[in-house]
Protein backbone atom coordinates (compact mmCIF):
# COMPACT_ATOMS: atom_id res chain seq x y z
CA UNK A 1 0.00 0.00 0.00
CA UNK A 2 1.59 3.34 -0.99
CA UNK A 3 2.21 5.91 1.70
CA UNK A 4 0.45 9.21 1.14
CA UNK A 5 1.32 12.62 2.40
CA UNK A 6 -1.89 14.20 3.61
CA UNK A 7 -1.27 17.65 2.17
CA UNK A 8 -2.52 20.04 0.98
CA UNK A 9 -5.75 20.11 2.90
CA UNK A 10 -8.53 22.37 1.63
CA UNK A 11 -8.93 23.73 5.17
CA UNK A 12 -6.15 25.38 7.07
CA UNK A 13 -5.40 23.25 10.17
CA UNK A 14 -5.80 25.11 13.45
CA UNK A 15 -3.71 23.66 16.28
CA UNK A 16 -4.25 24.22 20.01
CA UNK A 17 -1.70 23.81 22.80
CA UNK A 18 -1.96 24.61 26.49
CA UNK A 19 -1.08 28.27 25.96
CA UNK A 20 -1.22 28.83 22.22
CA UNK A 21 -3.51 28.83 19.22
CA UNK A 22 -1.72 28.16 15.94
CA UNK A 23 -3.85 29.56 13.14
CA UNK A 24 -3.74 30.84 9.60
CA UNK A 25 -2.24 34.26 8.96
CA UNK A 26 -4.36 36.90 7.24
CA UNK A 27 -3.85 40.38 5.87
CA UNK A 28 -5.06 41.73 9.23
CA UNK A 29 -1.82 40.39 10.73
CA UNK A 30 0.39 42.51 8.45
CA UNK A 31 1.22 45.16 11.09
CA UNK A 32 2.50 42.50 13.52
CA UNK A 33 4.43 40.66 10.80
CA UNK A 34 5.95 43.98 9.73
CA UNK A 35 6.99 44.77 13.31
CA UNK A 36 8.64 41.34 13.69
CA UNK A 37 10.50 41.49 10.39
CA UNK A 38 11.57 45.11 10.98
CA UNK A 39 13.15 44.17 14.34
CA UNK A 40 16.94 43.82 14.17
CA UNK A 41 16.91 41.33 17.08
CA UNK A 42 14.44 39.03 15.33
CA UNK A 43 16.27 39.22 12.00
CA UNK A 44 19.84 39.02 13.33
CA UNK A 45 20.44 35.39 12.31
CA UNK A 46 18.27 35.33 9.19
CA UNK A 47 20.72 36.66 6.63
CA UNK A 48 18.31 39.10 5.01
CA UNK A 49 17.25 42.73 5.26
CA UNK A 50 14.79 43.95 7.84
CA UNK A 51 11.47 45.17 6.50
CA UNK A 52 11.10 48.87 5.82
CA UNK A 53 7.39 49.07 4.93
CA UNK A 54 4.06 47.36 5.53
CA UNK A 55 3.79 46.23 1.91
CA UNK A 56 6.68 43.80 2.47
CA UNK A 57 4.70 42.13 5.27
CA UNK A 58 1.62 41.95 3.04
CA UNK A 59 3.69 40.32 0.28
CA UNK A 60 5.14 37.80 2.74
CA UNK A 61 1.66 36.88 3.96
CA UNK A 62 0.55 36.44 0.34
CA UNK A 63 3.59 34.20 -0.23
CA UNK A 64 2.72 32.05 2.80
CA UNK A 65 -0.90 31.73 1.69
CA UNK A 66 0.23 30.76 -1.82
CA UNK A 67 2.59 28.10 -0.39
CA UNK A 68 -0.33 26.58 1.50
CA UNK A 69 -2.69 26.74 -1.49
CA UNK A 70 -0.16 24.90 -3.66
CA UNK A 71 0.87 22.37 -1.01
CA UNK A 72 4.48 23.56 -0.88
CA UNK A 73 4.48 25.01 2.64
CA UNK A 74 2.39 26.09 5.60
CA UNK A 75 2.85 28.92 8.10
CA UNK A 76 0.89 29.34 11.31
CA UNK A 77 0.45 32.46 13.37
CA UNK A 78 1.33 31.88 17.03
CA UNK A 79 -1.43 33.43 19.12
CA UNK A 80 -1.46 33.72 22.92
CA UNK A 81 -4.65 32.03 24.15
CA UNK A 82 -5.40 34.50 26.94
CA UNK A 83 -5.23 37.67 24.84
CA UNK A 84 -5.50 36.53 21.19
CA UNK A 85 -2.26 38.46 20.60
CA UNK A 86 -0.13 37.35 17.65
CA UNK A 87 3.37 36.61 19.00
CA UNK A 88 5.14 35.23 15.95
CA UNK A 89 4.93 32.58 13.25
CA UNK A 90 6.01 28.97 12.82
CA UNK A 91 5.74 26.59 9.93
CA UNK A 92 7.18 24.57 7.12
CA UNK A 93 8.91 26.90 4.64
CA UNK A 94 9.14 24.12 2.11
CA UNK A 95 7.50 20.73 1.88
CA UNK A 96 9.08 18.11 -0.35
CA UNK A 97 6.05 15.88 -0.78
CA UNK A 98 7.82 13.11 -2.72
CA UNK A 99 10.42 12.81 0.07
CA UNK A 100 7.93 13.36 2.92
CA UNK A 101 10.29 16.04 4.30
CA UNK A 102 9.67 19.61 5.44
CA UNK A 103 11.91 22.58 6.26
CA UNK A 104 11.07 24.33 9.53
CA UNK A 105 11.09 28.09 10.12
CA UNK A 106 9.93 30.42 12.90
CA UNK A 107 10.26 33.78 14.61
CA UNK A 108 8.94 35.25 17.84
CA UNK A 109 8.43 38.72 19.30
CA UNK A 110 11.44 39.37 21.61
CA UNK A 111 9.08 40.38 24.43
CA UNK A 112 8.05 36.70 24.55
CA UNK A 113 11.50 35.08 24.32
CA UNK A 114 12.66 32.60 26.99
CA UNK A 115 9.17 31.45 28.00
CA UNK A 116 9.10 28.11 26.15
CA UNK A 117 6.64 29.46 23.60
CA UNK A 118 8.60 28.50 20.51
CA UNK A 119 9.33 25.04 21.85
CA UNK A 120 5.60 24.57 22.46
CA UNK A 121 4.69 25.85 18.99
CA UNK A 122 7.34 23.84 17.15
CA UNK A 123 6.37 20.71 19.07
CA UNK A 124 2.75 21.14 17.96
CA UNK A 125 3.59 21.48 14.28
CA UNK A 126 6.13 18.65 14.41
CA UNK A 127 3.42 16.36 15.81
CA UNK A 128 0.99 17.60 13.16
CA UNK A 129 3.62 17.03 10.47
CA UNK A 130 4.27 13.45 11.56
CA UNK A 131 0.78 12.39 12.63
CA UNK A 132 -1.46 14.21 10.14
CA UNK A 133 0.72 15.15 7.17
CA UNK A 134 2.60 11.82 7.30
CA UNK A 135 6.02 13.43 7.03
CA UNK A 136 9.05 11.22 7.53
CA UNK A 137 11.49 13.95 8.58
CA UNK A 138 11.65 17.64 9.43
CA UNK A 139 14.76 19.76 9.12
CA UNK A 140 15.80 23.16 10.40
CA UNK A 141 18.54 25.28 8.88
CA UNK A 142 20.03 27.60 11.50
CA UNK A 143 22.99 29.92 11.73
CA UNK A 144 25.76 28.59 14.00
CA UNK A 145 25.73 30.55 17.22
CA UNK A 146 21.97 30.99 17.23
CA UNK A 147 21.71 29.46 20.69
CA UNK A 148 17.99 30.11 21.17
CA UNK A 149 17.11 28.12 18.03
CA UNK A 150 19.59 25.43 18.98
CA UNK A 151 17.94 25.08 22.43
CA UNK A 152 14.48 24.74 20.87
CA UNK A 153 15.69 22.02 18.53
CA UNK A 154 17.62 20.15 21.24
CA UNK A 155 14.59 20.14 23.57
CA UNK A 156 12.56 18.51 20.80
CA UNK A 157 15.27 15.88 20.10
CA UNK A 158 16.41 17.25 16.73
CA UNK A 159 19.95 16.17 15.86
CA UNK A 160 22.62 18.25 14.20
CA UNK A 161 23.35 16.55 10.88
CA UNK A 162 25.61 18.93 9.01
CA UNK A 163 27.61 22.13 9.05
CA UNK A 164 27.95 23.92 5.73
CA UNK A 165 30.76 26.47 5.52
CA UNK A 166 30.04 29.75 3.74
CA UNK A 167 27.11 28.26 1.86
CA UNK A 168 25.11 31.47 1.39
CA UNK A 169 25.88 35.11 0.95
CA UNK A 170 24.18 38.17 2.42
CA UNK A 171 26.59 41.08 2.93
CA UNK A 172 29.17 38.43 3.86
CA UNK A 173 29.46 34.64 3.74
CA UNK A 174 27.37 32.71 6.27
CA UNK A 175 27.68 29.16 7.58
CA UNK A 176 24.62 27.08 8.32
CA UNK A 177 23.78 24.03 10.41
CA UNK A 178 21.19 21.47 9.41
CA UNK A 179 19.23 19.89 12.26
CA UNK A 180 16.80 17.06 11.64
CA UNK A 181 14.17 14.94 13.34
CA UNK A 182 12.82 11.72 11.89
CA UNK A 183 9.46 10.17 12.62
CA UNK A 184 9.79 7.36 15.08
């Protein structure tokens, strides 16, 4: 019997954790997305420019919605249950359906760092990826020295698989580490 990847779904999956609601991102979220991507602290390890206008956030949201519609990715908004405040995003930047593999990405408002929020959010989408989407493995590409991302991945039992030296360029050459978790 062939194994199927259950994606794309016609309905955006909403995920609930103890403290968070992971939901689709809409145009109404553009001001928060802009604020996150304009923040030097959030973007420090990303290897790209900070946002300078709201239109960039709107374009990014359109990109995420298009990825979902085509089955090539999915991005959730991380919302705090108690206040319905959008804190950041988490998702699969790329889904390789034929390989049952997805590439993880996320960012969080610095006011909410060091509270276990990203670990909780990533854990929820990892479980969704394995249990619902039938993924075999999930990878994360992080910049060496990004200790907060490394801690999230270690807590969730991701393993460092590779270090690529100077494998991408943005103002200077950057290294990257590949971390991976396989379905048990």
